[in-house]
């Protein structure tokens, strides 16, 4: 039943992107890869003119643990909001950086808006990778993880 509900959302997303065929293909391929590989999808929205995006790239995303987790356990798609306005509008991006986490099916899990320090980002990646969203919300998981540090 859930798949039937989310299929129209994917179709609507692709219709929005028809005016940007290259991005539509990348987005569609990312959705297909996530489903085929049974990996969560991370849509990372950024802007080249965004100060915090540059810091997030250099500090958080460049971290060896974070980048290894993204390569091995996620389908990761970087989206430049200045070039991909329709996709940014579809996900209601009002500021950058913004990380959208989706299940392998394409169902939206949550957004992590703004700059996120690498230690917190690692915890968020563990939360999604381990599918802890099935049993607790993100804030409860973050609190539990901080108690174990």
Protein backbone atom coordinates (compact mmCIF):
# COMPACT_ATOMS: atom_id res chain seq x y z
CA UNK A 1 0.00 0.00 0.00
CA UNK A 2 2.80 2.44 0.88
CA UNK A 3 4.47 1.92 -2.49
CA UNK A 4 1.28 2.87 -4.30
CA UNK A 5 1.08 6.11 -2.32
CA UNK A 6 4.70 7.13 -3.04
CA UNK A 7 4.73 6.20 -6.72
CA UNK A 8 2.69 9.31 -7.67
CA UNK A 9 5.11 11.50 -5.70
CA UNK A 10 8.02 10.19 -7.75
CA UNK A 11 6.06 10.76 -10.96
CA UNK A 12 5.22 14.34 -9.93
CA UNK A 13 8.89 14.96 -9.08
CA UNK A 14 9.97 13.76 -12.51
CA UNK A 15 7.36 15.91 -14.23
CA UNK A 16 8.75 18.97 -12.44
CA UNK A 17 12.18 18.11 -13.73
CA UNK A 18 11.33 17.58 -17.40
CA UNK A 19 12.59 21.05 -18.22
CA UNK A 20 15.99 19.97 -16.82
CA UNK A 21 16.60 16.63 -18.55
CA UNK A 22 20.16 16.18 -17.23
CA UNK A 23 19.12 16.69 -13.62
CA UNK A 24 15.99 14.60 -14.11
CA UNK A 25 18.19 11.73 -15.29
CA UNK A 26 20.57 12.11 -12.33
CA UNK A 27 17.68 12.29 -9.86
CA UNK A 28 15.87 9.36 -11.50
CA UNK A 29 19.09 7.31 -11.56
CA UNK A 30 19.71 8.07 -7.89
CA UNK A 31 16.19 6.90 -6.99
CA UNK A 32 16.63 3.74 -9.06
CA UNK A 33 20.06 3.03 -7.55
CA UNK A 34 18.79 3.50 -4.00
CA UNK A 35 15.99 1.04 -4.62
CA UNK A 36 18.14 -1.50 -6.49
CA UNK A 37 20.96 -1.37 -3.92
CA UNK A 38 18.57 -1.09 -0.96
CA UNK A 39 20.43 1.98 0.29
CA UNK A 40 19.04 5.22 1.67
CA UNK A 41 19.24 8.25 -0.61
CA UNK A 42 20.80 11.49 0.58
CA UNK A 43 19.95 14.60 -1.40
CA UNK A 44 22.44 17.30 -0.44
CA UNK A 45 21.28 20.77 -1.53
CA UNK A 46 23.98 23.43 -1.70
CA UNK A 47 24.96 26.66 -3.40
CA UNK A 48 28.44 27.64 -4.55
CA UNK A 49 27.91 31.10 -3.07
CA UNK A 50 26.86 29.78 0.36
CA UNK A 51 29.43 30.31 3.11
CA UNK A 52 28.09 27.47 5.29
CA UNK A 53 27.91 25.11 2.31
CA UNK A 54 31.63 25.63 1.72
CA UNK A 55 32.39 24.94 5.38
CA UNK A 56 30.13 21.86 5.33
CA UNK A 57 31.98 20.60 2.24
CA UNK A 58 35.46 21.21 3.71
CA UNK A 59 34.76 20.10 7.28
CA UNK A 60 31.86 17.66 7.47
CA UNK A 61 31.59 16.01 4.06
CA UNK A 62 35.36 15.82 3.57
CA UNK A 63 35.77 13.89 6.84
CA UNK A 64 37.12 10.40 6.07
CA UNK A 65 34.45 8.58 8.12
CA UNK A 66 31.61 10.64 6.67
CA UNK A 67 32.78 10.29 3.07
CA UNK A 68 33.38 6.53 3.48
CA UNK A 69 29.88 6.05 4.93
CA UNK A 70 28.36 8.05 2.08
CA UNK A 71 30.25 6.01 -0.53
CA UNK A 72 29.46 2.60 0.94
CA UNK A 73 26.08 2.92 2.63
CA UNK A 74 24.16 5.67 0.80
CA UNK A 75 23.27 6.87 -2.64
CA UNK A 76 24.50 10.47 -2.44
CA UNK A 77 23.36 13.19 -4.84
CA UNK A 78 24.68 16.76 -4.64
CA UNK A 79 22.20 19.30 -5.97
CA UNK A 80 23.19 22.87 -6.78
CA UNK A 81 20.06 24.91 -5.96
CA UNK A 82 21.16 27.68 -8.32
CA UNK A 83 21.05 25.28 -11.26
CA UNK A 84 18.22 23.03 -10.05
CA UNK A 85 15.51 25.41 -8.95
CA UNK A 86 12.62 23.03 -9.68
CA UNK A 87 14.07 20.24 -7.56
CA UNK A 88 14.83 22.71 -4.76
CA UNK A 89 11.24 23.93 -5.00
CA UNK A 90 9.90 20.36 -4.95
CA UNK A 91 11.75 19.71 -1.68
CA UNK A 92 10.87 23.18 -0.37
CA UNK A 93 14.47 24.20 0.15
CA UNK A 94 14.52 27.66 1.70
CA UNK A 95 18.19 27.72 2.71
CA UNK A 96 21.42 25.89 2.15
CA UNK A 97 23.04 23.63 2.99
CA UNK A 98 20.20 21.17 3.43
CA UNK A 99 20.37 17.39 3.61
CA UNK A 100 17.28 15.37 2.73
CA UNK A 101 17.25 11.72 3.75
CA UNK A 102 15.04 9.28 1.86
CA UNK A 103 14.36 5.59 2.27
CA UNK A 104 15.46 3.32 -0.61
CA UNK A 105 11.86 3.48 -1.85
CA UNK A 106 12.12 7.26 -2.22
CA UNK A 107 9.92 8.01 0.80
CA UNK A 108 11.09 11.16 2.55
CA UNK A 109 12.38 10.56 6.05
CA UNK A 110 13.47 14.02 7.22
CA UNK A 111 15.52 17.09 6.43
CA UNK A 112 18.65 18.18 8.29
CA UNK A 113 18.77 21.89 7.43
CA UNK A 114 21.84 24.06 7.75
CA UNK A 115 25.42 23.37 8.62
CA UNK A 116 25.86 20.17 10.67
CA UNK A 117 29.09 19.42 12.54
CA UNK A 118 30.77 16.20 11.50
CA UNK A 119 30.17 14.40 14.82
CA UNK A 120 26.43 15.10 14.58
CA UNK A 121 26.38 14.24 10.87
CA UNK A 122 28.03 10.89 11.61
CA UNK A 123 25.31 10.18 14.18
CA UNK A 124 22.59 11.14 11.68
CA UNK A 125 24.14 8.84 9.06
CA UNK A 126 24.22 5.99 11.60
CA UNK A 127 20.56 6.66 12.44
CA UNK A 128 19.49 6.41 8.80
CA UNK A 129 21.84 3.56 7.89
CA UNK A 130 20.63 1.48 10.83
CA UNK A 131 16.97 2.28 10.08
CA UNK A 132 16.51 3.47 13.66
CA UNK A 133 13.77 5.77 12.33
CA UNK A 134 11.51 2.68 12.48
CA UNK A 135 11.73 2.61 16.28
CA UNK A 136 12.57 6.15 17.48
CA UNK A 137 12.73 9.72 16.32
CA UNK A 138 16.00 11.41 15.43
CA UNK A 139 16.19 13.59 18.54
CA UNK A 140 15.82 10.57 20.85
CA UNK A 141 18.56 8.78 18.91
CA UNK A 142 20.86 11.82 19.06
CA UNK A 143 20.34 12.07 22.81
CA UNK A 144 21.00 8.36 23.28
CA UNK A 145 24.15 8.56 21.13
CA UNK A 146 25.49 11.57 23.04
CA UNK A 147 25.06 9.67 26.33
CA UNK A 148 27.28 6.87 24.97
CA UNK A 149 30.16 9.18 24.01
